[in-house]
Structure formats: structure tokens, C-alpha cells
């Protein structure tokens, strides 16, 4: 990407960068950017975003190249509307989509085979019935912070071995797949009287920290 091809940062919004930022004037990671867009306290853990998607977004932000990172801003509007709390089926769907899409982008996905198989089993378990399914759902917070997070990190780390432009494209594709996996499972907000609940769709446009 040459200098003239880089997305223009809209006035009042921070520039996407890797790492931690104390305030928007010094830049922001994708999730800090989301907090600004949502009008909440500046943070890379805004409550407006599902925690598993937020974890993936932070990983993708930091793994992207400086040239590719600005393009992640297009995900911000979708990330704003996925919180505040994750549920077992959504977490499992996000992790499975992440590992599956990352594996498909690699020349040799063998390193992710075990993680994908376990992510698939987790999806089946938490959406099932019976004692074990109920136990799996009850243990969701521990799973999200442990095995779930580890699988996200492993998938993103595997993509960092790809050359720059290809890495950026694979990271964006992985985040897009995760958002798509979560979106059907996000409770729909009731539209105000007289407002079409289906209105407002379409391309969110190029709105451009890892804690």
C-alpha cells in the first residue's frame, strides 16, 4: 500500500496503532477505536463488544502490519453492537470460525488441526442437551479465558508467519468470519416505534490497543 492509498482517518477519530495508548490523541488499537466510536470510556475492553470478539480484535490489531492496520477500522461499527456479555454458543462459534478461517489461509494448516477439532467439539457440546452440555455452559467464563483465548492466540500467531500483504488479508478475513459467526447470535435490539428494524444496513464505510 503506498502513501496515497492509505485510508484517511476521519476528524475526531484516532489513528490505529499497535499496543497500549493512554488517550486517543496518541493513537488507538482497534478496540480502543471502538470505545471512541461508541462514546464510552476510552478502553480496549469496552462493554459494547462481545469479550471473545474483542480479544480477537486486539490480537489481529497487533499482528497486522502498519500498512494493513488502518483497514481494520471498517470492522468497528460491527464490533460496537456485539456486547456486552458473551454466551457459550457465541463464544464457541467465534473461536471455531477463527481457527477454521486461519487454517484455510495457511499453506500448511496442520499446526491448527488439533485446535480446530477441539473448537468443533466445543461448539457441539455447548449447543447440546444434557448434563455435560449444561456443565460446559456453566464453565463458560473459565473456558473463554483459558482454552478459548489460547485457540484465538494460536490461530493469529500462525498467520503472522505469512508475508505482509497476505498476512493482513488473512487477518482481516479471520476477523470478518468471526464477526459473521457471532452476528446471528447477537440479540436484536428492538427498534423505536415507527422505525424499520431492518433499516440502516449496508457498508459501514471506512471508519478508521492492545491492553
C-alpha atoms as a PDB file:
ATOM      1  CA  UNK A   1       0.000   0.000   0.000  1.00  0.00           C
ATOM      2  CA  UNK A   2       1.507   3.337  -0.992  1.00  0.00           C
ATOM      3  CA  UNK A   3       1.048   6.585   0.887  1.00  0.00           C
ATOM      4  CA  UNK A   4      -1.818   7.810  -1.296  1.00  0.00           C
ATOM      5  CA  UNK A   5      -3.716   4.516  -0.893  1.00  0.00           C
ATOM      6  CA  UNK A   6      -3.919   4.682   2.893  1.00  0.00           C
ATOM      7  CA  UNK A   7      -7.371   5.263   4.384  1.00  0.00           C
ATOM      8  CA  UNK A   8      -7.990   8.778   5.601  1.00  0.00           C
ATOM      9  CA  UNK A   9      -8.742   8.960   9.324  1.00  0.00           C
ATOM     10  CA  UNK A  10     -11.969  10.951   9.875  1.00  0.00           C
ATOM     11  CA  UNK A  11     -11.698  14.063  12.034  1.00  0.00           C
ATOM     12  CA  UNK A  12     -12.061  13.330  15.729  1.00  0.00           C
ATOM     13  CA  UNK A  13     -11.122   9.647  15.464  1.00  0.00           C
ATOM     14  CA  UNK A  14      -7.714   8.258  16.497  1.00  0.00           C
ATOM     15  CA  UNK A  15      -5.254   6.587  14.160  1.00  0.00           C
ATOM     16  CA  UNK A  16      -4.981   2.824  14.544  1.00  0.00           C
ATOM     17  CA  UNK A  17      -1.694   1.679  16.049  1.00  0.00           C
ATOM     18  CA  UNK A  18      -0.358  -1.369  17.874  1.00  0.00           C
ATOM     19  CA  UNK A  19      -0.104  -1.579  21.643  1.00  0.00           C
ATOM     20  CA  UNK A  20      -1.447   0.402  24.588  1.00  0.00           C
ATOM     21  CA  UNK A  21      -2.477   4.047  24.375  1.00  0.00           C
ATOM     22  CA  UNK A  22      -3.275   6.272  27.375  1.00  0.00           C
ATOM     23  CA  UNK A  23      -5.532   8.554  25.345  1.00  0.00           C
ATOM     24  CA  UNK A  24      -6.941   8.884  21.802  1.00  0.00           C
ATOM     25  CA  UNK A  25      -4.568  11.719  20.925  1.00  0.00           C
ATOM     26  CA  UNK A  26      -1.712   9.191  21.000  1.00  0.00           C
ATOM     27  CA  UNK A  27      -3.498   6.687  18.783  1.00  0.00           C
ATOM     28  CA  UNK A  28      -5.634   3.643  19.460  1.00  0.00           C
ATOM     29  CA  UNK A  29      -5.866  -0.055  18.847  1.00  0.00           C
ATOM     30  CA  UNK A  30      -8.990  -1.363  17.137  1.00  0.00           C
ATOM     31  CA  UNK A  31     -10.883  -1.907  20.393  1.00  0.00           C
ATOM     32  CA  UNK A  32      -9.890   1.492  21.782  1.00  0.00           C
ATOM     33  CA  UNK A  33     -11.152   2.911  18.499  1.00  0.00           C
ATOM     34  CA  UNK A  34     -14.430   1.054  19.058  1.00  0.00           C
ATOM     35  CA  UNK A  35     -14.758   2.647  22.501  1.00  0.00           C
ATOM     36  CA  UNK A  36     -14.381   6.095  20.937  1.00  0.00           C
ATOM     37  CA  UNK A  37     -16.924   5.286  18.239  1.00  0.00           C
ATOM     38  CA  UNK A  38     -19.356   4.013  20.878  1.00  0.00           C
ATOM     39  CA  UNK A  39     -18.931   7.115  23.024  1.00  0.00           C
ATOM     40  CA  UNK A  40     -17.804   5.117  26.064  1.00  0.00           C
ATOM     41  CA  UNK A  41     -14.763   5.419  28.329  1.00  0.00           C
ATOM     42  CA  UNK A  42     -11.545   5.084  26.310  1.00  0.00           C
ATOM     43  CA  UNK A  43     -10.544   1.450  26.790  1.00  0.00           C
ATOM     44  CA  UNK A  44      -9.515  -1.637  24.862  1.00  0.00           C
ATOM     45  CA  UNK A  45     -12.168  -3.598  26.807  1.00  0.00           C
ATOM     46  CA  UNK A  46     -15.379  -1.655  26.034  1.00  0.00           C
ATOM     47  CA  UNK A  47     -18.536  -3.344  27.300  1.00  0.00           C
ATOM     48  CA  UNK A  48     -20.288  -2.757  23.982  1.00  0.00           C
ATOM     49  CA  UNK A  49     -18.340  -5.623  22.369  1.00  0.00           C
ATOM     50  CA  UNK A  50     -18.536  -9.355  22.986  1.00  0.00           C
ATOM     51  CA  UNK A  51     -15.421 -10.271  25.014  1.00  0.00           C
ATOM     52  CA  UNK A  52     -14.295 -13.055  22.689  1.00  0.00           C
ATOM     53  CA  UNK A  53     -14.583 -10.862  19.610  1.00  0.00           C
ATOM     54  CA  UNK A  54     -12.782  -8.092  21.485  1.00  0.00           C
ATOM     55  CA  UNK A  55      -9.921 -10.445  22.348  1.00  0.00           C
ATOM     56  CA  UNK A  56      -9.603 -11.475  18.710  1.00  0.00           C
ATOM     57  CA  UNK A  57      -9.735  -7.855  17.555  1.00  0.00           C
ATOM     58  CA  UNK A  58      -6.864  -6.928  19.888  1.00  0.00           C
ATOM     59  CA  UNK A  59      -4.794  -9.846  18.616  1.00  0.00           C
ATOM     60  CA  UNK A  60      -5.500  -9.025  14.969  1.00  0.00           C
ATOM     61  CA  UNK A  61      -4.720  -5.353  15.538  1.00  0.00           C
ATOM     62  CA  UNK A  62      -1.282  -6.086  16.958  1.00  0.00           C
ATOM     63  CA  UNK A  63      -0.466  -8.796  14.406  1.00  0.00           C
ATOM     64  CA  UNK A  64      -1.280  -6.561  11.415  1.00  0.00           C
ATOM     65  CA  UNK A  65       1.375  -4.569   9.621  1.00  0.00           C
ATOM     66  CA  UNK A  66       1.454  -0.786   9.933  1.00  0.00           C
ATOM     67  CA  UNK A  67       0.249  -0.590   6.337  1.00  0.00           C
ATOM     68  CA  UNK A  68      -2.644  -3.007   6.799  1.00  0.00           C
ATOM     69  CA  UNK A  69      -3.840  -1.948  10.241  1.00  0.00           C
ATOM     70  CA  UNK A  70      -5.834   1.148   9.140  1.00  0.00           C
ATOM     71  CA  UNK A  71      -8.160  -1.102   7.124  1.00  0.00           C
ATOM     72  CA  UNK A  72      -9.327  -2.757  10.348  1.00  0.00           C
ATOM     73  CA  UNK A  73     -11.325   0.373  11.168  1.00  0.00           C
ATOM     74  CA  UNK A  74     -14.081  -0.856   8.844  1.00  0.00           C
ATOM     75  CA  UNK A  75     -14.892  -3.533  11.452  1.00  0.00           C
ATOM     76  CA  UNK A  76     -15.534  -1.006  14.228  1.00  0.00           C
ATOM     77  CA  UNK A  77     -19.264  -0.398  13.594  1.00  0.00           C
ATOM     78  CA  UNK A  78     -19.994  -4.138  13.698  1.00  0.00           C
ATOM     79  CA  UNK A  79     -17.907  -4.639  16.837  1.00  0.00           C
ATOM     80  CA  UNK A  80     -19.773  -1.857  18.635  1.00  0.00           C
ATOM     81  CA  UNK A  81     -23.029  -3.813  18.597  1.00  0.00           C
ATOM     82  CA  UNK A  82     -21.967  -7.275  19.801  1.00  0.00           C
ATOM     83  CA  UNK A  83     -21.813  -6.843  23.601  1.00  0.00           C
ATOM     84  CA  UNK A  84     -21.812  -6.603  26.420  1.00  0.00           C
ATOM     85  CA  UNK A  85     -21.642 -10.219  27.586  1.00  0.00           C
ATOM     86  CA  UNK A  86     -20.727 -13.295  25.623  1.00  0.00           C
ATOM     87  CA  UNK A  87     -22.695 -16.517  25.809  1.00  0.00           C
ATOM     88  CA  UNK A  88     -21.326 -20.047  25.394  1.00  0.00           C
ATOM     89  CA  UNK A  89     -22.730 -20.667  21.921  1.00  0.00           C
ATOM     90  CA  UNK A  90     -21.483 -17.334  20.592  1.00  0.00           C
ATOM     91  CA  UNK A  91     -18.023 -17.786  22.111  1.00  0.00           C
ATOM     92  CA  UNK A  92     -17.741 -21.269  20.649  1.00  0.00           C
ATOM     93  CA  UNK A  93     -18.888 -20.069  17.220  1.00  0.00           C
ATOM     94  CA  UNK A  94     -16.362 -17.224  17.217  1.00  0.00           C
ATOM     95  CA  UNK A  95     -13.459 -19.464  18.221  1.00  0.00           C
ATOM     96  CA  UNK A  96     -14.385 -22.121  15.658  1.00  0.00           C
ATOM     97  CA  UNK A  97     -14.709 -19.565  12.851  1.00  0.00           C
ATOM     98  CA  UNK A  98     -11.378 -18.010  13.805  1.00  0.00           C
ATOM     99  CA  UNK A  99      -9.416 -21.252  13.796  1.00  0.00           C
ATOM    100  CA  UNK A 100     -11.158 -22.597  10.691  1.00  0.00           C
ATOM    101  CA  UNK A 101     -10.561 -19.447   8.645  1.00  0.00           C
ATOM    102  CA  UNK A 102      -6.956 -19.102   9.785  1.00  0.00           C
ATOM    103  CA  UNK A 103      -6.256 -22.724   8.867  1.00  0.00           C
ATOM    104  CA  UNK A 104      -7.705 -22.193   5.393  1.00  0.00           C
ATOM    105  CA  UNK A 105      -5.347 -19.245   4.836  1.00  0.00           C
ATOM    106  CA  UNK A 106      -2.192 -21.216   5.635  1.00  0.00           C
ATOM    107  CA  UNK A 107      -0.111 -23.247   3.209  1.00  0.00           C
ATOM    108  CA  UNK A 108       0.321 -25.886   5.917  1.00  0.00           C
ATOM    109  CA  UNK A 109      -2.599 -25.806   8.361  1.00  0.00           C
ATOM    110  CA  UNK A 110      -1.540 -28.969  10.193  1.00  0.00           C
ATOM    111  CA  UNK A 111      -0.494 -26.951  13.232  1.00  0.00           C
ATOM    112  CA  UNK A 112      -4.104 -25.872  13.727  1.00  0.00           C
ATOM    113  CA  UNK A 113      -5.752 -29.257  13.156  1.00  0.00           C
ATOM    114  CA  UNK A 114      -5.913 -30.158  16.852  1.00  0.00           C
ATOM    115  CA  UNK A 115      -7.217 -26.722  17.803  1.00  0.00           C
ATOM    116  CA  UNK A 116      -9.903 -26.852  15.113  1.00  0.00           C
ATOM    117  CA  UNK A 117     -11.051 -30.313  16.190  1.00  0.00           C
ATOM    118  CA  UNK A 118     -11.390 -29.142  19.790  1.00  0.00           C
ATOM    119  CA  UNK A 119     -13.178 -25.969  18.733  1.00  0.00           C
ATOM    120  CA  UNK A 120     -15.644 -28.071  16.734  1.00  0.00           C
ATOM    121  CA  UNK A 121     -16.270 -30.324  19.731  1.00  0.00           C
ATOM    122  CA  UNK A 122     -16.810 -27.310  21.968  1.00  0.00           C
ATOM    123  CA  UNK A 123     -19.462 -25.960  19.587  1.00  0.00           C
ATOM    124  CA  UNK A 124     -21.266 -29.277  19.582  1.00  0.00           C
ATOM    125  CA  UNK A 125     -21.080 -29.568  23.366  1.00  0.00           C
ATOM    126  CA  UNK A 126     -22.367 -26.119  24.353  1.00  0.00           C
ATOM    127  CA  UNK A 127     -25.279 -26.275  21.924  1.00  0.00           C
ATOM    128  CA  UNK A 128     -26.294 -29.745  23.059  1.00  0.00           C
ATOM    129  CA  UNK A 129     -28.549 -31.012  25.824  1.00  0.00           C
ATOM    130  CA  UNK A 130     -27.994 -32.998  28.974  1.00  0.00           C
ATOM    131  CA  UNK A 131     -25.738 -32.752  31.987  1.00  0.00           C
ATOM    132  CA  UNK A 132     -22.416 -32.366  30.153  1.00  0.00           C
ATOM    133  CA  UNK A 133     -23.792 -29.637  27.914  1.00  0.00           C
ATOM    134  CA  UNK A 134     -25.130 -27.762  30.917  1.00  0.00           C
ATOM    135  CA  UNK A 135     -21.821 -28.122  32.729  1.00  0.00           C
ATOM    136  CA  UNK A 136     -19.932 -26.837  29.681  1.00  0.00           C
ATOM    137  CA  UNK A 137     -22.138 -23.758  29.544  1.00  0.00           C
ATOM    138  CA  UNK A 138     -21.766 -23.155  33.285  1.00  0.00           C
ATOM    139  CA  UNK A 139     -17.966 -23.276  32.950  1.00  0.00           C
ATOM    140  CA  UNK A 140     -18.010 -20.818  30.035  1.00  0.00           C
ATOM    141  CA  UNK A 141     -16.116 -17.979  31.813  1.00  0.00           C
ATOM    142  CA  UNK A 142     -13.218 -20.312  32.603  1.00  0.00           C
ATOM    143  CA  UNK A 143     -13.185 -21.748  29.096  1.00  0.00           C
ATOM    144  CA  UNK A 144     -13.268 -18.318  27.464  1.00  0.00           C
ATOM    145  CA  UNK A 145     -10.304 -17.091  29.497  1.00  0.00           C
ATOM    146  CA  UNK A 146      -8.344 -20.339  29.082  1.00  0.00           C
ATOM    147  CA  UNK A 147      -8.692 -22.713  26.098  1.00  0.00           C
ATOM    148  CA  UNK A 148     -10.802 -20.274  24.081  1.00  0.00           C
ATOM    149  CA  UNK A 149      -8.287 -17.460  24.341  1.00  0.00           C
ATOM    150  CA  UNK A 150      -5.417 -19.870  23.665  1.00  0.00           C
ATOM    151  CA  UNK A 151      -7.015 -21.021  20.411  1.00  0.00           C
ATOM    152  CA  UNK A 152      -7.517 -17.453  19.246  1.00  0.00           C
ATOM    153  CA  UNK A 153      -3.902 -16.601  20.033  1.00  0.00           C
ATOM    154  CA  UNK A 154      -2.607 -19.735  18.316  1.00  0.00           C
ATOM    155  CA  UNK A 155      -4.602 -19.041  15.154  1.00  0.00           C
ATOM    156  CA  UNK A 156      -3.483 -15.414  14.905  1.00  0.00           C
ATOM    157  CA  UNK A 157       0.134 -16.311  15.687  1.00  0.00           C
ATOM    158  CA  UNK A 158       0.098 -18.859  12.871  1.00  0.00           C
ATOM    159  CA  UNK A 159      -0.977 -16.141  10.427  1.00  0.00           C
ATOM    160  CA  UNK A 160       1.945 -13.887  11.390  1.00  0.00           C
ATOM    161  CA  UNK A 161       4.237 -16.284   9.517  1.00  0.00           C
ATOM    162  CA  UNK A 162       2.670 -15.131   6.228  1.00  0.00           C
ATOM    163  CA  UNK A 163       4.297 -12.300   4.247  1.00  0.00           C
ATOM    164  CA  UNK A 164       2.970  -8.790   4.955  1.00  0.00           C
ATOM    165  CA  UNK A 165       0.130  -8.170   2.462  1.00  0.00           C
ATOM    166  CA  UNK A 166      -1.016 -11.786   2.589  1.00  0.00           C
ATOM    167  CA  UNK A 167      -0.896 -11.750   6.394  1.00  0.00           C
ATOM    168  CA  UNK A 168      -3.022  -8.618   6.565  1.00  0.00           C
ATOM    169  CA  UNK A 169      -5.612 -10.062   4.191  1.00  0.00           C
ATOM    170  CA  UNK A 170      -5.752 -13.322   6.161  1.00  0.00           C
ATOM    171  CA  UNK A 171      -6.117 -11.481   9.465  1.00  0.00           C
ATOM    172  CA  UNK A 172      -8.968  -9.368   8.100  1.00  0.00           C
ATOM    173  CA  UNK A 173     -10.630 -12.445   6.669  1.00  0.00           C
ATOM    174  CA  UNK A 174     -10.372 -14.221  10.001  1.00  0.00           C
ATOM    175  CA  UNK A 175     -11.861 -11.293  11.909  1.00  0.00           C
ATOM    176  CA  UNK A 176     -14.633 -10.975   9.324  1.00  0.00           C
ATOM    177  CA  UNK A 177     -15.504 -14.664   9.700  1.00  0.00           C
ATOM    178  CA  UNK A 178     -15.605 -14.339  13.486  1.00  0.00           C
ATOM    179  CA  UNK A 179     -17.880 -11.297  13.343  1.00  0.00           C
ATOM    180  CA  UNK A 180     -20.168 -13.094  10.901  1.00  0.00           C
ATOM    181  CA  UNK A 181     -20.289 -16.151  13.178  1.00  0.00           C
ATOM    182  CA  UNK A 182     -21.282 -14.002  16.141  1.00  0.00           C
ATOM    183  CA  UNK A 183     -23.772 -11.731  14.414  1.00  0.00           C
ATOM    184  CA  UNK A 184     -26.684 -14.209  14.045  1.00  0.00           C
ATOM    185  CA  UNK A 185     -26.339 -14.945  17.766  1.00  0.00           C
ATOM    186  CA  UNK A 186     -26.429 -11.321  18.927  1.00  0.00           C
ATOM    187  CA  UNK A 187     -29.818 -10.388  20.431  1.00  0.00           C
ATOM    188  CA  UNK A 188     -31.514  -7.859  18.195  1.00  0.00           C
ATOM    189  CA  UNK A 189     -32.354  -4.536  19.806  1.00  0.00           C
ATOM    190  CA  UNK A 190     -35.995  -3.537  19.471  1.00  0.00           C
ATOM    191  CA  UNK A 191     -36.426  -0.631  17.088  1.00  0.00           C
ATOM    192  CA  UNK A 192     -38.178   2.505  18.348  1.00  0.00           C
ATOM    193  CA  UNK A 193     -41.816   2.937  17.248  1.00  0.00           C
ATOM    194  CA  UNK A 194     -42.055   3.944  13.616  1.00  0.00           C
ATOM    195  CA  UNK A 195     -38.512   2.843  12.775  1.00  0.00           C
ATOM    196  CA  UNK A 196     -37.883  -0.056  10.421  1.00  0.00           C
ATOM    197  CA  UNK A 197     -35.715  -2.571  12.302  1.00  0.00           C
ATOM    198  CA  UNK A 198     -34.092  -3.558   9.022  1.00  0.00           C
ATOM    199  CA  UNK A 199     -33.068  -0.050   8.107  1.00  0.00           C
ATOM    200  CA  UNK A 200     -29.524   1.147   8.232  1.00  0.00           C
ATOM    201  CA  UNK A 201     -27.867  -1.863   6.637  1.00  0.00           C
ATOM    202  CA  UNK A 202     -25.134  -1.796   4.087  1.00  0.00           C
ATOM    203  CA  UNK A 203     -21.451  -0.955   4.014  1.00  0.00           C
ATOM    204  CA  UNK A 204     -20.424   0.705   7.305  1.00  0.00           C
ATOM    205  CA  UNK A 205     -17.771   2.691   5.453  1.00  0.00           C
ATOM    206  CA  UNK A 206     -14.085   3.218   6.175  1.00  0.00           C
ATOM    207  CA  UNK A 207     -14.223   4.371   9.813  1.00  0.00           C
ATOM    208  CA  UNK A 208     -10.740   4.207  10.867  1.00  0.00           C
ATOM    209  CA  UNK A 209      -4.789  -1.147  21.971  1.00  0.00           C
ATOM    210  CA  UNK A 210      -3.934  -3.897  22.774  1.00  0.00           C
ATOM    211  CA  UNK A 211      -4.044  -3.883  26.549  1.00  0.00           C
END
